[in-house]
Amino acid sequence: MSKIQFYLGEYVSIRDGMSELELDFLSKELEQNPHRSRSQLRRASKRKAFIQRAKWMLQDTMIAAGIATIVLGIVGIIIISTVA
C-alpha cells in the first residue's frame, strides 16, 4: 500500500498532469528501473522532456537563422548587382 498514493480518498496516478512527451519519457524510465520512487521517476521524465523541448527550440532557431542568412544574402546580392 505504500506504493499507491491517495489524495482525499482517491487514487492519484503517477501520470496525472504530465504531457504526452513526459509520459513517453516516463515509460522509458519505468522500463529502465521500475523500483525507483514515484517522485524520482516523475522528476527524471520531466527533466528529459524539458531538455528535449530546449533542443527542439534551438534547432528551430538555427533553422530560422539559416533561412534569414540566405534571404539576406540574396537580397544583398540583388542590391549590389543593381547598384553596380
N, C-alpha and C. Protein backbone atom coordinates (compact mmCIF):
# COMPACT_ATOMS: atom_id res chain seq x y z
N MET A 1 0.81 -1.19 0.00
CA MET A 1 0.00 0.00 0.00
C MET A 1 0.87 1.26 0.00
N SER A 2 2.13 1.12 0.32
CA SER A 2 2.99 2.30 0.37
C SER A 2 3.26 2.86 -1.02
N LYS A 3 3.18 2.01 -2.07
CA LYS A 3 3.44 2.47 -3.43
C LYS A 3 2.25 3.23 -4.02
N ILE A 4 1.05 3.02 -3.49
CA ILE A 4 -0.15 3.67 -4.02
C ILE A 4 -0.38 4.96 -3.26
N GLN A 5 -0.55 6.06 -3.99
CA GLN A 5 -0.78 7.35 -3.34
C GLN A 5 -2.23 7.74 -3.49
N PHE A 6 -2.81 8.22 -2.39
CA PHE A 6 -4.19 8.65 -2.39
C PHE A 6 -4.25 10.12 -2.03
N TYR A 7 -5.21 10.83 -2.60
CA TYR A 7 -5.44 12.22 -2.28
C TYR A 7 -6.91 12.37 -1.97
N LEU A 8 -7.23 12.64 -0.72
CA LEU A 8 -8.61 12.75 -0.25
C LEU A 8 -9.43 11.52 -0.63
N GLY A 9 -8.83 10.35 -0.44
CA GLY A 9 -9.54 9.10 -0.65
C GLY A 9 -9.54 8.60 -2.08
N GLU A 10 -8.95 9.33 -3.03
CA GLU A 10 -8.92 8.89 -4.42
C GLU A 10 -7.49 8.58 -4.83
N TYR A 11 -7.37 7.55 -5.65
CA TYR A 11 -6.07 7.16 -6.18
C TYR A 11 -5.54 8.24 -7.12
N VAL A 12 -4.29 8.59 -6.95
CA VAL A 12 -3.64 9.58 -7.81
C VAL A 12 -2.62 8.85 -8.67
N SER A 13 -2.84 8.89 -9.98
CA SER A 13 -1.96 8.20 -10.91
C SER A 13 -0.61 8.92 -11.00
N ILE A 14 0.42 8.15 -11.29
CA ILE A 14 1.75 8.73 -11.49
C ILE A 14 1.75 9.60 -12.75
N ARG A 15 0.79 9.35 -13.64
CA ARG A 15 0.73 10.06 -14.92
C ARG A 15 -0.09 11.34 -14.87
N ASP A 16 -0.68 11.66 -13.73
CA ASP A 16 -1.52 12.86 -13.61
C ASP A 16 -0.73 14.13 -13.89
N GLY A 17 -1.26 14.97 -14.77
CA GLY A 17 -0.67 16.28 -15.04
C GLY A 17 0.57 16.26 -15.90
N MET A 18 0.82 15.16 -16.60
CA MET A 18 2.02 15.08 -17.43
C MET A 18 1.62 15.18 -18.90
N SER A 19 2.49 15.81 -19.68
CA SER A 19 2.25 15.93 -21.12
C SER A 19 2.57 14.61 -21.81
N GLU A 20 2.24 14.54 -23.08
CA GLU A 20 2.49 13.31 -23.85
C GLU A 20 3.99 13.01 -23.94
N LEU A 21 4.79 14.05 -24.12
CA LEU A 21 6.24 13.86 -24.19
C LEU A 21 6.77 13.35 -22.85
N GLU A 22 6.30 13.93 -21.75
CA GLU A 22 6.72 13.49 -20.43
C GLU A 22 6.29 12.05 -20.16
N LEU A 23 5.11 11.68 -20.64
CA LEU A 23 4.64 10.30 -20.47
C LEU A 23 5.51 9.32 -21.24
N ASP A 24 5.97 9.74 -22.42
CA ASP A 24 6.87 8.89 -23.20
C ASP A 24 8.17 8.65 -22.44
N PHE A 25 8.74 9.70 -21.89
CA PHE A 25 9.96 9.55 -21.11
C PHE A 25 9.71 8.77 -19.82
N LEU A 26 8.53 8.93 -19.23
CA LEU A 26 8.18 8.19 -18.03
C LEU A 26 8.15 6.69 -18.31
N SER A 27 7.57 6.30 -19.44
CA SER A 27 7.54 4.87 -19.75
C SER A 27 8.95 4.31 -19.96
N LYS A 28 9.82 5.12 -20.57
CA LYS A 28 11.21 4.68 -20.74
C LYS A 28 11.92 4.56 -19.39
N GLU A 29 11.66 5.51 -18.50
CA GLU A 29 12.26 5.45 -17.16
C GLU A 29 11.75 4.24 -16.39
N LEU A 30 10.47 3.91 -16.54
CA LEU A 30 9.91 2.74 -15.86
C LEU A 30 10.52 1.45 -16.40
N GLU A 31 10.83 1.41 -17.69
CA GLU A 31 11.47 0.23 -18.27
C GLU A 31 12.89 0.07 -17.73
N GLN A 32 13.60 1.19 -17.56
CA GLN A 32 14.98 1.13 -17.10
C GLN A 32 15.07 0.67 -15.65
N ASN A 33 14.27 1.28 -14.78
CA ASN A 33 14.33 0.94 -13.36
C ASN A 33 12.98 1.20 -12.70
N PRO A 34 12.13 0.20 -12.64
CA PRO A 34 10.79 0.40 -12.08
C PRO A 34 10.76 0.48 -10.56
N HIS A 35 11.89 0.28 -9.91
CA HIS A 35 11.92 0.25 -8.45
C HIS A 35 12.19 1.60 -7.81
N ARG A 36 12.37 2.63 -8.63
CA ARG A 36 12.58 3.97 -8.08
C ARG A 36 11.25 4.54 -7.60
N SER A 37 11.34 5.55 -6.76
CA SER A 37 10.12 6.16 -6.22
C SER A 37 9.39 6.96 -7.30
N ARG A 38 8.13 7.23 -7.04
CA ARG A 38 7.30 7.98 -7.99
C ARG A 38 7.90 9.36 -8.26
N SER A 39 8.34 10.01 -7.22
CA SER A 39 8.87 11.37 -7.39
C SER A 39 10.14 11.36 -8.23
N GLN A 40 11.00 10.36 -8.04
CA GLN A 40 12.22 10.28 -8.84
C GLN A 40 11.89 10.02 -10.31
N LEU A 41 10.93 9.13 -10.55
CA LEU A 41 10.54 8.82 -11.92
C LEU A 41 9.93 10.04 -12.61
N ARG A 42 9.04 10.73 -11.91
CA ARG A 42 8.40 11.93 -12.49
C ARG A 42 9.43 13.03 -12.74
N ARG A 43 10.34 13.23 -11.78
CA ARG A 43 11.37 14.27 -11.93
C ARG A 43 12.28 13.98 -13.11
N ALA A 44 12.69 12.73 -13.25
CA ALA A 44 13.59 12.36 -14.36
C ALA A 44 12.89 12.54 -15.70
N SER A 45 11.64 12.13 -15.79
CA SER A 45 10.93 12.26 -17.07
C SER A 45 10.64 13.71 -17.40
N LYS A 46 10.32 14.53 -16.41
CA LYS A 46 10.08 15.95 -16.66
C LYS A 46 11.37 16.65 -17.08
N ARG A 47 12.49 16.28 -16.47
CA ARG A 47 13.78 16.86 -16.83
C ARG A 47 14.15 16.52 -18.27
N LYS A 48 13.99 15.24 -18.64
CA LYS A 48 14.32 14.83 -20.00
C LYS A 48 13.40 15.50 -21.02
N ALA A 49 12.14 15.66 -20.68
CA ALA A 49 11.20 16.33 -21.58
C ALA A 49 11.58 17.80 -21.75
N PHE A 50 12.00 18.46 -20.66
CA PHE A 50 12.43 19.86 -20.74
C PHE A 50 13.65 19.99 -21.64
N ILE A 51 14.61 19.08 -21.48
CA ILE A 51 15.82 19.12 -22.31
C ILE A 51 15.47 18.89 -23.77
N GLN A 52 14.54 17.97 -24.04
CA GLN A 52 14.14 17.71 -25.43
C GLN A 52 13.47 18.94 -26.04
N ARG A 53 12.61 19.60 -25.26
CA ARG A 53 11.95 20.82 -25.78
C ARG A 53 12.98 21.91 -26.05
N ALA A 54 13.99 22.03 -25.17
CA ALA A 54 15.04 23.03 -25.39
C ALA A 54 15.82 22.72 -26.66
N LYS A 55 16.11 21.43 -26.90
CA LYS A 55 16.80 21.05 -28.13
C LYS A 55 15.97 21.41 -29.36
N TRP A 56 14.68 21.13 -29.29
CA TRP A 56 13.81 21.46 -30.42
C TRP A 56 13.77 22.96 -30.67
N MET A 57 13.70 23.75 -29.61
CA MET A 57 13.69 25.21 -29.77
C MET A 57 15.00 25.70 -30.38
N LEU A 58 16.12 25.13 -29.96
CA LEU A 58 17.42 25.51 -30.50
C LEU A 58 17.50 25.15 -31.99
N GLN A 59 17.00 23.97 -32.33
CA GLN A 59 17.01 23.57 -33.74
C GLN A 59 16.14 24.49 -34.58
N ASP A 60 14.97 24.84 -34.07
CA ASP A 60 14.09 25.76 -34.80
C ASP A 60 14.74 27.12 -34.98
N THR A 61 15.41 27.60 -33.95
CA THR A 61 16.10 28.89 -34.02
C THR A 61 17.23 28.84 -35.05
N MET A 62 17.98 27.74 -35.06
CA MET A 62 19.08 27.61 -36.02
C MET A 62 18.55 27.55 -37.46
N ILE A 63 17.43 26.88 -37.66
CA ILE A 63 16.82 26.83 -38.99
C ILE A 63 16.38 28.22 -39.43
N ALA A 64 15.71 28.95 -38.52
CA ALA A 64 15.26 30.30 -38.84
C ALA A 64 16.44 31.22 -39.12
N ALA A 65 17.51 31.09 -38.35
CA ALA A 65 18.70 31.93 -38.58
C ALA A 65 19.34 31.59 -39.92
N GLY A 66 19.36 30.32 -40.28
CA GLY A 66 19.91 29.92 -41.57
C GLY A 66 19.10 30.47 -42.73
N ILE A 67 17.79 30.38 -42.62
CA ILE A 67 16.92 30.91 -43.68
C ILE A 67 17.08 32.43 -43.78
N ALA A 68 17.14 33.11 -42.62
CA ALA A 68 17.32 34.57 -42.64
C ALA A 68 18.65 34.95 -43.27
N THR A 69 19.70 34.21 -43.00
CA THR A 69 21.01 34.48 -43.58
C THR A 69 20.97 34.32 -45.10
N ILE A 70 20.33 33.28 -45.57
CA ILE A 70 20.23 33.04 -47.01
C ILE A 70 19.43 34.15 -47.68
N VAL A 71 18.29 34.52 -47.09
CA VAL A 71 17.47 35.58 -47.67
C VAL A 71 18.22 36.91 -47.69
N LEU A 72 18.88 37.25 -46.59
CA LEU A 72 19.65 38.49 -46.56
C LEU A 72 20.80 38.47 -47.56
N GLY A 73 21.42 37.32 -47.73
CA GLY A 73 22.49 37.20 -48.74
C GLY A 73 21.97 37.42 -50.14
N ILE A 74 20.82 36.84 -50.45
CA ILE A 74 20.24 37.02 -51.78
C ILE A 74 19.84 38.47 -52.01
N VAL A 75 19.22 39.08 -51.00
CA VAL A 75 18.84 40.50 -51.11
C VAL A 75 20.08 41.36 -51.29
N GLY A 76 21.14 41.05 -50.55
CA GLY A 76 22.38 41.81 -50.68
C GLY A 76 22.98 41.68 -52.07
N ILE A 77 22.96 40.50 -52.62
CA ILE A 77 23.49 40.28 -53.97
C ILE A 77 22.65 41.05 -55.00
N ILE A 78 21.33 41.04 -54.82
CA ILE A 78 20.47 41.76 -55.75
C ILE A 78 20.73 43.26 -55.67
N ILE A 79 20.87 43.77 -54.47
CA ILE A 79 21.11 45.21 -54.28
C ILE A 79 22.47 45.60 -54.87
N ILE A 80 23.49 44.79 -54.62
CA ILE A 80 24.83 45.09 -55.16
C ILE A 80 24.81 45.05 -56.68
N SER A 81 24.10 44.07 -57.26
CA SER A 81 24.11 43.94 -58.73
C SER A 81 23.31 45.07 -59.40
N THR A 82 22.30 45.61 -58.73
CA THR A 82 21.53 46.71 -59.33
C THR A 82 22.28 48.04 -59.20
N VAL A 83 23.05 48.20 -58.14
CA VAL A 83 23.78 49.45 -57.92
C VAL A 83 24.98 49.53 -58.86
N ALA A 84 25.64 48.45 -59.09
CA ALA A 84 26.85 48.46 -59.90
C ALA A 84 26.61 48.53 -61.36
